[in-house]
Amino acid sequence: MTNRPTHFLIGRITSPHGLAGEVRLQPLTDWPDRIRPGLDCFLTDAGQTTRQPVRIRSVRATGDRLLVLFEGVAGRDAAEALRGRFLSIDRKDAVSLPENSYYISDLLGSRVEDERGEPVGLLSDVLRTGANDVYVVERPGGLPDLLLPAIRQVILSIRVDKGRIVVRLPEDTA
């Protein structure tokens, strides 16, 4: 699949914090501990069309958010201007995943086929649940989306390089 993202969003700035230029950051990564002082990353707009290099000066945790201070961002007004922006990193700086693990952004848009090679639809979303992920497959012809548990008995193979996922459909699937 040729349209793999070149960078990953790892956080979203929700609001300024205090007067010194800190911002509240909602982590969008399974590895929030990698968001640390000295990290070179990018401030990215919501449309992901612009990326501004930035370095993290300090980080501290507060509940499910991080309080982050960037080098060159001083004062509440400067922090307010970052509201709604995203923090991103280059793909080359991302965590290496174990075998049979995938970045969701690499899976989205993949063709989903059954074990006979018949098209089922396109992977449109991955829902993170407690027990296992659930793959949302957008089906053609106005059919309702298909929800497939991301378990070995259902997801038979994933070929990110080919943009293809082979599944065994549950018996009750129409």
Protein backbone atom coordinates (compact mmCIF):
# COMPACT_ATOMS: atom_id res chain seq x y z
CA MET A 1 0.00 0.00 0.00
CA THR A 2 1.65 3.20 -1.10
CA ASN A 3 -0.28 5.78 0.92
CA ARG A 4 1.18 4.94 4.32
CA PRO A 5 1.45 8.03 6.52
CA THR A 6 4.85 9.70 6.75
CA HIS A 7 4.14 10.90 10.29
CA PHE A 8 1.98 9.93 13.25
CA LEU A 9 -0.17 12.10 15.49
CA ILE A 10 0.83 11.48 19.10
CA GLY A 11 -1.16 14.16 20.92
CA ARG A 12 -3.76 16.91 20.66
CA ILE A 13 -3.44 20.27 22.40
CA THR A 14 -6.69 20.96 24.21
CA SER A 15 -6.00 24.24 26.04
CA PRO A 16 -3.38 26.48 27.61
CA HIS A 17 -2.43 25.89 31.25
CA GLY A 18 -1.33 28.72 33.50
CA LEU A 19 0.56 31.81 32.42
CA ALA A 20 4.00 30.45 31.45
CA GLY A 21 3.06 28.92 28.07
CA GLU A 22 2.25 25.35 29.09
CA VAL A 23 -0.48 23.48 27.21
CA ARG A 24 -2.70 20.54 28.11
CA LEU A 25 -1.99 17.65 25.75
CA GLN A 26 -4.29 14.68 25.23
CA PRO A 27 -2.02 11.75 24.30
CA LEU A 28 -3.04 9.91 21.11
CA THR A 29 -0.47 7.15 21.47
CA ASP A 30 -0.09 3.88 23.31
CA TRP A 31 3.32 5.16 24.44
CA PRO A 32 2.72 8.54 26.15
CA ASP A 33 5.96 8.11 28.13
CA ARG A 34 7.83 8.83 24.87
CA ILE A 35 6.49 12.39 25.01
CA ARG A 36 9.39 13.76 27.03
CA PRO A 37 11.71 16.76 27.34
CA GLY A 38 14.10 17.08 24.42
CA LEU A 39 11.78 15.32 21.95
CA ASP A 40 11.94 16.92 18.51
CA CYS A 41 8.48 16.76 16.98
CA PHE A 42 6.03 18.87 15.00
CA LEU A 43 3.00 21.04 15.63
CA THR A 44 0.49 19.98 13.01
CA ASP A 45 -2.78 21.64 12.02
CA ALA A 46 -6.09 19.72 12.12
CA GLY A 47 -5.99 19.12 8.36
CA GLN A 48 -2.43 17.81 8.66
CA THR A 49 -1.29 20.17 5.90
CA THR A 50 1.32 22.13 7.88
CA ARG A 51 4.02 20.94 10.23
CA GLN A 52 6.10 23.27 12.36
CA PRO A 53 9.22 21.80 14.05
CA VAL A 54 9.21 22.15 17.82
CA ARG A 55 11.15 20.75 20.79
CA ILE A 56 9.58 19.80 24.09
CA ARG A 57 11.10 21.66 27.03
CA SER A 58 9.18 20.03 29.91
CA VAL A 59 6.41 17.49 30.52
CA ARG A 60 4.41 16.58 33.59
CA ALA A 61 1.42 14.31 33.98
CA THR A 62 -1.94 15.40 35.35
CA GLY A 63 -4.68 12.78 35.24
CA ASP A 64 -5.11 11.52 31.68
CA ARG A 65 -3.44 14.61 30.20
CA LEU A 66 0.11 15.91 29.99
CA LEU A 67 1.19 19.47 30.70
CA VAL A 68 3.76 20.33 28.04
CA LEU A 69 5.99 23.36 27.58
CA PHE A 70 7.59 23.84 24.16
CA GLU A 71 10.80 25.75 23.53
CA GLY A 72 9.97 29.18 22.11
CA VAL A 73 6.40 29.24 23.47
CA ALA A 74 6.24 31.82 26.25
CA GLY A 75 3.08 33.10 27.85
CA ARG A 76 -0.56 32.22 27.85
CA ASP A 77 -1.35 33.97 24.55
CA ALA A 78 1.28 31.92 22.70
CA ALA A 79 -0.09 28.74 24.29
CA GLU A 80 -3.67 29.72 23.39
CA ALA A 81 -2.62 30.01 19.73
CA LEU A 82 -1.75 26.28 19.82
CA ARG A 83 -5.22 25.16 20.91
CA GLY A 84 -6.55 22.42 18.60
CA ARG A 85 -3.14 21.71 17.06
CA PHE A 86 -1.66 18.24 17.07
CA LEU A 87 1.73 16.94 18.06
CA SER A 88 3.26 14.59 15.48
CA ILE A 89 6.46 12.64 14.89
CA ASP A 90 8.10 11.29 11.76
CA ARG A 91 7.42 7.62 10.98
CA LYS A 92 11.15 6.92 11.35
CA ASP A 93 10.94 8.02 15.00
CA ALA A 94 7.94 5.82 15.84
CA VAL A 95 8.12 2.81 18.12
CA SER A 96 9.02 -0.44 16.37
CA LEU A 97 6.06 -2.77 16.70
CA PRO A 98 6.26 -6.46 17.55
CA GLU A 99 5.43 -9.04 14.90
CA ASN A 100 1.72 -9.14 13.95
CA SER A 101 1.10 -5.65 15.36
CA TYR A 102 0.19 -2.73 13.12
CA TYR A 103 -0.33 0.99 13.22
CA ILE A 104 -4.04 1.66 12.74
CA SER A 105 -3.30 4.38 10.20
CA ASP A 106 -1.51 1.78 8.05
CA LEU A 107 -4.59 -0.47 8.07
CA LEU A 108 -7.26 2.11 7.27
CA GLY A 109 -8.46 1.89 3.67
CA SER A 110 -7.30 -1.71 3.27
CA ARG A 111 -9.41 -4.02 1.10
CA VAL A 112 -11.14 -6.64 3.22
CA GLU A 113 -11.74 -10.01 1.54
CA ASP A 114 -13.18 -13.27 2.78
CA GLU A 115 -11.13 -16.48 2.70
CA ARG A 116 -12.44 -17.27 -0.82
CA GLY A 117 -11.09 -13.94 -2.09
CA GLU A 118 -14.54 -12.32 -2.35
CA PRO A 119 -14.55 -8.58 -1.54
CA VAL A 120 -16.22 -7.66 1.73
CA GLY A 121 -15.46 -3.91 1.83
CA LEU A 122 -12.87 -1.40 3.05
CA LEU A 123 -11.54 -1.02 6.58
CA SER A 124 -12.85 2.37 7.69
CA ASP A 125 -12.11 2.40 11.41
CA VAL A 126 -10.67 0.43 14.30
CA LEU A 127 -12.52 0.61 17.61
CA ARG A 128 -10.40 0.16 20.71
CA THR A 129 -12.33 -1.93 23.22
CA GLY A 130 -11.27 -3.60 26.43
CA ALA A 131 -10.98 -7.19 25.22
CA ASN A 132 -9.86 -6.75 21.61
CA ASP A 133 -10.01 -4.22 18.83
CA VAL A 134 -13.00 -4.24 16.49
CA TYR A 135 -12.51 -3.64 12.77
CA VAL A 136 -15.22 -1.54 11.09
CA VAL A 137 -15.66 -2.62 7.49
CA GLU A 138 -17.54 -0.26 5.18
CA ARG A 139 -19.50 -2.41 2.76
CA PRO A 140 -20.58 -1.43 -0.76
CA GLY A 141 -24.14 -0.92 -1.96
CA GLY A 142 -25.44 0.84 1.12
CA LEU A 143 -25.11 -2.26 3.30
CA PRO A 144 -24.56 -1.51 6.99
CA ASP A 145 -20.99 -1.50 8.26
CA LEU A 146 -19.66 -4.85 9.38
CA LEU A 147 -18.03 -5.07 12.82
CA LEU A 148 -15.38 -7.78 13.07
CA PRO A 149 -13.49 -8.66 16.25
CA ALA A 150 -9.74 -8.45 15.71
CA ILE A 151 -9.08 -12.01 16.85
CA ARG A 152 -7.08 -14.75 15.18
CA GLN A 153 -10.20 -16.81 14.33
CA VAL A 154 -11.65 -13.90 12.32
CA ILE A 155 -8.68 -11.89 11.00
CA LEU A 156 -6.73 -14.51 9.05
CA SER A 157 -4.03 -12.37 7.47
CA ILE A 158 -2.97 -8.76 7.09
CA ARG A 159 -0.71 -7.54 4.29
CA VAL A 160 -0.04 -3.87 4.93
CA ASP A 161 2.22 -3.70 1.87
CA LYS A 162 -0.67 -4.90 -0.34
CA GLY A 163 -3.44 -3.04 1.51
CA ARG A 164 -5.28 -6.35 2.03
CA ILE A 165 -6.93 -8.06 4.99
CA VAL A 166 -8.34 -11.59 4.73
CA VAL A 167 -11.13 -12.50 7.15
CA ARG A 168 -13.29 -15.45 8.09
CA LEU A 169 -16.80 -14.07 8.32
CA PRO A 170 -18.94 -15.19 11.22
CA GLU A 171 -21.80 -17.54 10.24
CA ASP A 172 -24.54 -14.95 10.91
CA THR A 173 -23.02 -12.32 8.59
CA ALA A 174 -25.33 -11.41 5.73
